[in-house]
């Protein structure tokens, strides 16, 4: 059951990454909920990353940590 939740959250993060490149959907309520769910783990990681990076690498770091947790589980 935990692996299913981890896989679902990884999928949610990937959807958030894709939607961040589509500005026309930025104010849609479903996209706002996806962003809010993804920011739950990405926002703390963003605080540790340098501000001058050209891309937001926080979802990739979170996905990497989730993969490691899933492998250790």
PDB file of N, CA and C in Angstrom:
ATOM      1  N   UNK A   1       0.826  -1.197   0.000  1.00  0.00           N
ATOM      2  CA  UNK A   1       0.000   0.000   0.000  1.00  0.00           C
ATOM      3  C   UNK A   1       0.868   1.258   0.000  1.00  0.00           C
ATOM      4  N   UNK A   2       1.964   1.235   0.748  1.00  0.00           N
ATOM      5  CA  UNK A   2       2.820   2.422   0.806  1.00  0.00           C
ATOM      6  C   UNK A   2       3.498   2.646  -0.531  1.00  0.00           C
ATOM      7  N   UNK A   3       3.876   1.586  -1.210  1.00  0.00           N
ATOM      8  CA  UNK A   3       4.493   1.734  -2.532  1.00  0.00           C
ATOM      9  C   UNK A   3       3.526   2.369  -3.525  1.00  0.00           C
ATOM     10  N   UNK A   4       2.257   2.030  -3.417  1.00  0.00           N
ATOM     11  CA  UNK A   4       1.248   2.625  -4.297  1.00  0.00           C
ATOM     12  C   UNK A   4       1.148   4.128  -4.027  1.00  0.00           C
ATOM     13  N   UNK A   5       1.161   4.522  -2.773  1.00  0.00           N
ATOM     14  CA  UNK A   5       1.099   5.936  -2.433  1.00  0.00           C
ATOM     15  C   UNK A   5       2.342   6.685  -2.910  1.00  0.00           C
ATOM     16  N   UNK A   6       3.502   6.066  -2.758  1.00  0.00           N
ATOM     17  CA  UNK A   6       4.746   6.689  -3.229  1.00  0.00           C
ATOM     18  C   UNK A   6       4.719   6.835  -4.747  1.00  0.00           C
ATOM     19  N   UNK A   7       4.263   5.794  -5.446  1.00  0.00           N
ATOM     20  CA  UNK A   7       4.166   5.870  -6.900  1.00  0.00           C
ATOM     21  C   UNK A   7       3.163   6.935  -7.340  1.00  0.00           C
ATOM     22  N   UNK A   8       2.049   7.031  -6.631  1.00  0.00           N
ATOM     23  CA  UNK A   8       1.055   8.053  -6.953  1.00  0.00           C
ATOM     24  C   UNK A   8       1.630   9.446  -6.743  1.00  0.00           C
ATOM     25  N   UNK A   9       2.377   9.646  -5.670  1.00  0.00           N
ATOM     26  CA  UNK A   9       2.950  10.964  -5.404  1.00  0.00           C
ATOM     27  C   UNK A   9       4.036  11.304  -6.429  1.00  0.00           C
ATOM     28  N   UNK A  10       4.811  10.317  -6.858  1.00  0.00           N
ATOM     29  CA  UNK A  10       5.798  10.554  -7.918  1.00  0.00           C
ATOM     30  C   UNK A  10       5.086  10.957  -9.211  1.00  0.00           C
ATOM     31  N   UNK A  11       3.985  10.289  -9.519  1.00  0.00           N
ATOM     32  CA  UNK A  11       3.199  10.650 -10.695  1.00  0.00           C
ATOM     33  C   UNK A  11       2.661  12.073 -10.565  1.00  0.00           C
ATOM     34  N   UNK A  12       2.192  12.430  -9.382  1.00  0.00           N
ATOM     35  CA  UNK A  12       1.687  13.781  -9.138  1.00  0.00           C
ATOM     36  C   UNK A  12       2.782  14.826  -9.343  1.00  0.00           C
ATOM     37  N   UNK A  13       3.992  14.537  -8.900  1.00  0.00           N
ATOM     38  CA  UNK A  13       5.108  15.454  -9.103  1.00  0.00           C
ATOM     39  C   UNK A  13       5.451  15.603 -10.580  1.00  0.00           C
ATOM     40  N   UNK A  14       5.407  14.508 -11.325  1.00  0.00           N
ATOM     41  CA  UNK A  14       5.687  14.580 -12.757  1.00  0.00           C
ATOM     42  C   UNK A  14       4.613  15.390 -13.476  1.00  0.00           C
ATOM     43  N   UNK A  15       3.363  15.210 -13.098  1.00  0.00           N
ATOM     44  CA  UNK A  15       2.280  16.007 -13.678  1.00  0.00           C
ATOM     45  C   UNK A  15       2.478  17.484 -13.355  1.00  0.00           C
ATOM     46  N   UNK A  16       2.899  17.781 -12.142  1.00  0.00           N
ATOM     47  CA  UNK A  16       3.167  19.172 -11.759  1.00  0.00           C
ATOM     48  C   UNK A  16       4.298  19.767 -12.586  1.00  0.00           C
ATOM     49  N   UNK A  17       5.333  18.986 -12.854  1.00  0.00           N
ATOM     50  CA  UNK A  17       6.444  19.461 -13.688  1.00  0.00           C
ATOM     51  C   UNK A  17       5.939  19.785 -15.087  1.00  0.00           C
ATOM     52  N   UNK A  18       5.143  18.904 -15.652  1.00  0.00           N
ATOM     53  CA  UNK A  18       4.628  19.124 -17.003  1.00  0.00           C
ATOM     54  C   UNK A  18       3.700  20.339 -17.034  1.00  0.00           C
ATOM     55  N   UNK A  19       2.827  20.463 -16.049  1.00  0.00           N
ATOM     56  CA  UNK A  19       1.890  21.587 -16.024  1.00  0.00           C
ATOM     57  C   UNK A  19       2.581  22.926 -15.782  1.00  0.00           C
ATOM     58  N   UNK A  20       3.755  22.910 -15.195  1.00  0.00           N
ATOM     59  CA  UNK A  20       4.458  24.172 -14.974  1.00  0.00           C
ATOM     60  C   UNK A  20       4.935  24.779 -16.289  1.00  0.00           C
ATOM     61  N   UNK A  21       5.030  23.983 -17.341  1.00  0.00           N
ATOM     62  CA  UNK A  21       5.410  24.486 -18.660  1.00  0.00           C
ATOM     63  C   UNK A  21       4.212  24.898 -19.509  1.00  0.00           C
ATOM     64  N   UNK A  22       3.018  24.779 -18.970  1.00  0.00           N
ATOM     65  CA  UNK A  22       1.798  25.158 -19.684  1.00  0.00           C
ATOM     66  C   UNK A  22       1.113  26.305 -18.934  1.00  0.00           C
ATOM     67  N   UNK A  23       1.493  27.536 -19.216  1.00  0.00           N
ATOM     68  CA  UNK A  23       0.978  28.662 -18.424  1.00  0.00           C
ATOM     69  C   UNK A  23      -0.520  28.908 -18.588  1.00  0.00           C
ATOM     70  N   UNK A  24      -1.141  28.427 -19.651  1.00  0.00           N
ATOM     71  CA  UNK A  24      -2.562  28.670 -19.853  1.00  0.00           C
ATOM     72  C   UNK A  24      -3.428  27.940 -18.822  1.00  0.00           C
ATOM     73  N   UNK A  25      -2.865  26.919 -18.173  1.00  0.00           N
ATOM     74  CA  UNK A  25      -3.614  26.165 -17.156  1.00  0.00           C
ATOM     75  C   UNK A  25      -3.239  26.555 -15.728  1.00  0.00           C
ATOM     76  N   UNK A  26      -2.469  27.587 -15.574  1.00  0.00           N
ATOM     77  CA  UNK A  26      -1.935  27.960 -14.263  1.00  0.00           C
ATOM     78  C   UNK A  26      -3.028  28.271 -13.239  1.00  0.00           C
ATOM     79  N   UNK A  27      -4.150  28.854 -13.665  1.00  0.00           N
ATOM     80  CA  UNK A  27      -5.189  29.279 -12.720  1.00  0.00           C
ATOM     81  C   UNK A  27      -6.364  28.310 -12.646  1.00  0.00           C
ATOM     82  N   UNK A  28      -6.232  27.158 -13.247  1.00  0.00           N
ATOM     83  CA  UNK A  28      -7.281  26.146 -13.178  1.00  0.00           C
ATOM     84  C   UNK A  28      -7.300  25.545 -11.769  1.00  0.00           C
ATOM     85  N   UNK A  29      -8.484  25.290 -11.204  1.00  0.00           N
ATOM     86  CA  UNK A  29      -8.549  24.787  -9.817  1.00  0.00           C
ATOM     87  C   UNK A  29      -7.861  23.433  -9.614  1.00  0.00           C
ATOM     88  N   UNK A  30      -7.952  22.537 -10.570  1.00  0.00           N
ATOM     89  CA  UNK A  30      -7.308  21.230 -10.419  1.00  0.00           C
ATOM     90  C   UNK A  30      -5.791  21.389 -10.416  1.00  0.00           C
ATOM     91  N   UNK A  31      -5.289  22.260 -11.285  1.00  0.00           N
ATOM     92  CA  UNK A  31      -3.846  22.509 -11.340  1.00  0.00           C
ATOM     93  C   UNK A  31      -3.377  23.156 -10.040  1.00  0.00           C
ATOM     94  N   UNK A  32      -4.198  24.032  -9.475  1.00  0.00           N
ATOM     95  CA  UNK A  32      -3.844  24.654  -8.194  1.00  0.00           C
ATOM     96  C   UNK A  32      -3.761  23.611  -7.084  1.00  0.00           C
ATOM     97  N   UNK A  33      -4.661  22.627  -7.093  1.00  0.00           N
ATOM     98  CA  UNK A  33      -4.614  21.559  -6.087  1.00  0.00           C
ATOM     99  C   UNK A  33      -3.394  20.670  -6.282  1.00  0.00           C
ATOM    100  N   UNK A  34      -3.044  20.384  -7.538  1.00  0.00           N
ATOM    101  CA  UNK A  34      -1.852  19.591  -7.809  1.00  0.00           C
ATOM    102  C   UNK A  34      -0.621  20.341  -7.343  1.00  0.00           C
ATOM    103  N   UNK A  35      -0.564  21.642  -7.600  1.00  0.00           N
ATOM    104  CA  UNK A  35       0.572  22.467  -7.175  1.00  0.00           C
ATOM    105  C   UNK A  35       0.686  22.485  -5.655  1.00  0.00           C
ATOM    106  N   UNK A  36      -0.448  22.601  -4.976  1.00  0.00           N
ATOM    107  CA  UNK A  36      -0.447  22.630  -3.514  1.00  0.00           C
ATOM    108  C   UNK A  36       0.060  21.307  -2.938  1.00  0.00           C
ATOM    109  N   UNK A  37      -0.351  20.187  -3.542  1.00  0.00           N
ATOM    110  CA  UNK A  37       0.093  18.879  -3.068  1.00  0.00           C
ATOM    111  C   UNK A  37       1.577  18.675  -3.337  1.00  0.00           C
ATOM    112  N   UNK A  38       2.061  19.156  -4.481  1.00  0.00           N
ATOM    113  CA  UNK A  38       3.474  19.000  -4.811  1.00  0.00           C
ATOM    114  C   UNK A  38       4.337  19.925  -3.958  1.00  0.00           C
ATOM    115  N   UNK A  39       3.839  21.103  -3.644  1.00  0.00           N
ATOM    116  CA  UNK A  39       4.615  22.044  -2.829  1.00  0.00           C
ATOM    117  C   UNK A  39       4.782  21.581  -1.388  1.00  0.00           C
ATOM    118  N   UNK A  40       3.982  20.607  -0.981  1.00  0.00           N
ATOM    119  CA  UNK A  40       4.103  20.077   0.381  1.00  0.00           C
ATOM    120  C   UNK A  40       5.510  19.555   0.637  1.00  0.00           C
ATOM    121  N   UNK A  41       6.117  18.905  -0.354  1.00  0.00           N
ATOM    122  CA  UNK A  41       7.474  18.387  -0.184  1.00  0.00           C
ATOM    123  C   UNK A  41       8.513  19.206  -0.943  1.00  0.00           C
ATOM    124  N   UNK A  42       8.111  19.881  -2.002  1.00  0.00           N
ATOM    125  CA  UNK A  42       9.085  20.621  -2.815  1.00  0.00           C
ATOM    126  C   UNK A  42       9.487  21.955  -2.180  1.00  0.00           C
ATOM    127  N   UNK A  43       8.591  22.594  -1.462  1.00  0.00           N
ATOM    128  CA  UNK A  43       8.906  23.899  -0.870  1.00  0.00           C
ATOM    129  C   UNK A  43      10.062  23.833   0.127  1.00  0.00           C
ATOM    130  N   UNK A  44      10.123  22.836   1.023  1.00  0.00           N
ATOM    131  CA  UNK A  44      11.291  22.772   1.919  1.00  0.00           C
ATOM    132  C   UNK A  44      12.601  22.528   1.168  1.00  0.00           C
ATOM    133  N   UNK A  45      12.541  21.759   0.084  1.00  0.00           N
ATOM    134  CA  UNK A  45      13.754  21.501  -0.698  1.00  0.00           C
ATOM    135  C   UNK A  45      14.194  22.767  -1.420  1.00  0.00           C
ATOM    136  N   UNK A  46      13.222  23.554  -1.914  1.00  0.00           N
ATOM    137  CA  UNK A  46      13.546  24.809  -2.603  1.00  0.00           C
ATOM    138  C   UNK A  46      14.299  25.777  -1.702  1.00  0.00           C
ATOM    139  N   UNK A  47      13.987  25.762  -0.412  1.00  0.00           N
ATOM    140  CA  UNK A  47      14.678  26.669   0.518  1.00  0.00           C
ATOM    141  C   UNK A  47      16.156  26.342   0.631  1.00  0.00           C
ATOM    142  N   UNK A  48      16.524  25.079   0.431  1.00  0.00           N
ATOM    143  CA  UNK A  48      17.928  24.663   0.547  1.00  0.00           C
ATOM    144  C   UNK A  48      18.708  24.854  -0.750  1.00  0.00           C
ATOM    145  N   UNK A  49      18.011  24.937  -1.874  1.00  0.00           N
ATOM    146  CA  UNK A  49      18.681  25.084  -3.163  1.00  0.00           C
ATOM    147  C   UNK A  49      19.075  26.539  -3.399  1.00  0.00           C
ATOM    148  N   UNK A  50      20.145  26.787  -4.161  1.00  0.00           N
ATOM    149  CA  UNK A  50      20.503  28.169  -4.497  1.00  0.00           C
ATOM    150  C   UNK A  50      19.409  28.830  -5.333  1.00  0.00           C
ATOM    151  N   UNK A  51      19.246  30.115  -5.162  1.00  0.00           N
ATOM    152  CA  UNK A  51      18.179  30.851  -5.845  1.00  0.00           C
ATOM    153  C   UNK A  51      18.482  31.099  -7.322  1.00  0.00           C
ATOM    154  N   UNK A  52      19.750  31.006  -7.734  1.00  0.00           N
ATOM    155  CA  UNK A  52      20.112  31.376  -9.098  1.00  0.00           C
ATOM    156  C   UNK A  52      20.170  30.187 -10.056  1.00  0.00           C
ATOM    157  N   UNK A  53      19.541  29.079  -9.712  1.00  0.00           N
ATOM    158  CA  UNK A  53      19.499  27.931 -10.617  1.00  0.00           C
ATOM    159  C   UNK A  53      18.542  28.235 -11.777  1.00  0.00           C
ATOM    160  N   UNK A  54      18.869  27.786 -12.990  1.00  0.00           N
ATOM    161  CA  UNK A  54      17.998  28.103 -14.130  1.00  0.00           C
ATOM    162  C   UNK A  54      16.676  27.332 -14.121  1.00  0.00           C
ATOM    163  N   UNK A  55      16.632  26.182 -13.461  1.00  0.00           N
ATOM    164  CA  UNK A  55      15.419  25.374 -13.387  1.00  0.00           C
ATOM    165  C   UNK A  55      15.141  25.012 -11.933  1.00  0.00           C
ATOM    166  N   UNK A  56      13.902  24.617 -11.682  1.00  0.00           N
ATOM    167  CA  UNK A  56      13.516  24.165 -10.354  1.00  0.00           C
ATOM    168  C   UNK A  56      13.801  22.664 -10.260  1.00  0.00           C
ATOM    169  N   UNK A  57      14.855  22.323  -9.552  1.00  0.00           N
ATOM    170  CA  UNK A  57      15.260  20.927  -9.421  1.00  0.00           C
ATOM    171  C   UNK A  57      14.644  20.242  -8.204  1.00  0.00           C
ATOM    172  N   UNK A  58      13.835  20.937  -7.435  1.00  0.00           N
ATOM    173  CA  UNK A  58      13.280  20.354  -6.216  1.00  0.00           C
ATOM    174  C   UNK A  58      12.381  19.143  -6.482  1.00  0.00           C
ATOM    175  N   UNK A  59      11.525  19.127  -7.520  1.00  0.00           N
ATOM    176  CA  UNK A  59      10.743  17.898  -7.742  1.00  0.00           C
ATOM    177  C   UNK A  59      11.625  16.696  -8.089  1.00  0.00           C
ATOM    178  N   UNK A  60      12.704  16.930  -8.811  1.00  0.00           N
ATOM    179  CA  UNK A  60      13.601  15.828  -9.150  1.00  0.00           C
ATOM    180  C   UNK A  60      14.303  15.287  -7.909  1.00  0.00           C
ATOM    181  N   UNK A  61      14.654  16.169  -6.992  1.00  0.00           N
ATOM    182  CA  UNK A  61      15.293  15.733  -5.754  1.00  0.00           C
ATOM    183  C   UNK A  61      14.301  14.940  -4.906  1.00  0.00           C
ATOM    184  N   UNK A  62      13.059  15.423  -4.839  1.00  0.00           N
ATOM    185  CA  UNK A  62      12.031  14.720  -4.061  1.00  0.00           C
ATOM    186  C   UNK A  62      11.751  13.349  -4.680  1.00  0.00           C
ATOM    187  N   UNK A  63      11.668  13.273  -6.002  1.00  0.00           N
ATOM    188  CA  UNK A  63      11.446  11.989  -6.659  1.00  0.00           C
ATOM    189  C   UNK A  63      12.615  11.048  -6.373  1.00  0.00           C
ATOM    190  N   UNK A  64      13.834  11.560  -6.406  1.00  0.00           N
ATOM    191  CA  UNK A  64      14.996  10.736  -6.077  1.00  0.00           C
ATOM    192  C   UNK A  64      14.938  10.204  -4.667  1.00  0.00           C
ATOM    193  N   UNK A  65      14.554  11.041  -3.718  1.00  0.00           N
ATOM    194  CA  UNK A  65      14.429  10.595  -2.324  1.00  0.00           C
ATOM    195  C   UNK A  65      13.323   9.554  -2.194  1.00  0.00           C
ATOM    196  N   UNK A  66      12.208   9.764  -2.914  1.00  0.00           N
ATOM    197  CA  UNK A  66      11.128   8.787  -2.866  1.00  0.00           C
ATOM    198  C   UNK A  66      11.552   7.436  -3.460  1.00  0.00           C
ATOM    199  N   UNK A  67      12.354   7.468  -4.502  1.00  0.00           N
ATOM    200  CA  UNK A  67      12.856   6.221  -5.071  1.00  0.00           C
ATOM    201  C   UNK A  67      13.747   5.497  -4.076  1.00  0.00           C
ATOM    202  N   UNK A  68      14.600   6.250  -3.384  1.00  0.00           N
ATOM    203  CA  UNK A  68      15.470   5.641  -2.372  1.00  0.00           C
ATOM    204  C   UNK A  68      14.654   5.057  -1.230  1.00  0.00           C
ATOM    205  N   UNK A  69      13.632   5.783  -0.779  1.00  0.00           N
ATOM    206  CA  UNK A  69      12.770   5.272   0.291  1.00  0.00           C
ATOM    207  C   UNK A  69      12.054   4.021  -0.183  1.00  0.00           C
ATOM    208  N   UNK A  70      11.596   4.028  -1.423  1.00  0.00           N
ATOM    209  CA  UNK A  70      10.890   2.864  -1.948  1.00  0.00           C
ATOM    210  C   UNK A  70      11.827   1.650  -2.057  1.00  0.00           C
ATOM    211  N   UNK A  71      13.061   1.880  -2.439  1.00  0.00           N
ATOM    212  CA  UNK A  71      14.018   0.773  -2.516  1.00  0.00           C
ATOM    213  C   UNK A  71      14.379   0.221  -1.132  1.00  0.00           C
ATOM    214  N   UNK A  72      14.423   1.086  -0.147  1.00  0.00           N
ATOM    215  CA  UNK A  72      14.748   0.651   1.213  1.00  0.00           C
ATOM    216  C   UNK A  72      13.558  -0.018   1.888  1.00  0.00           C
ATOM    217  N   UNK A  73      12.361   0.272   1.434  1.00  0.00           N
ATOM    218  CA  UNK A  73      11.165  -0.274   2.048  1.00  0.00           C
ATOM    219  C   UNK A  73      11.110  -1.708   1.715  1.00  0.00           C
TER     220      UNK A  73
END
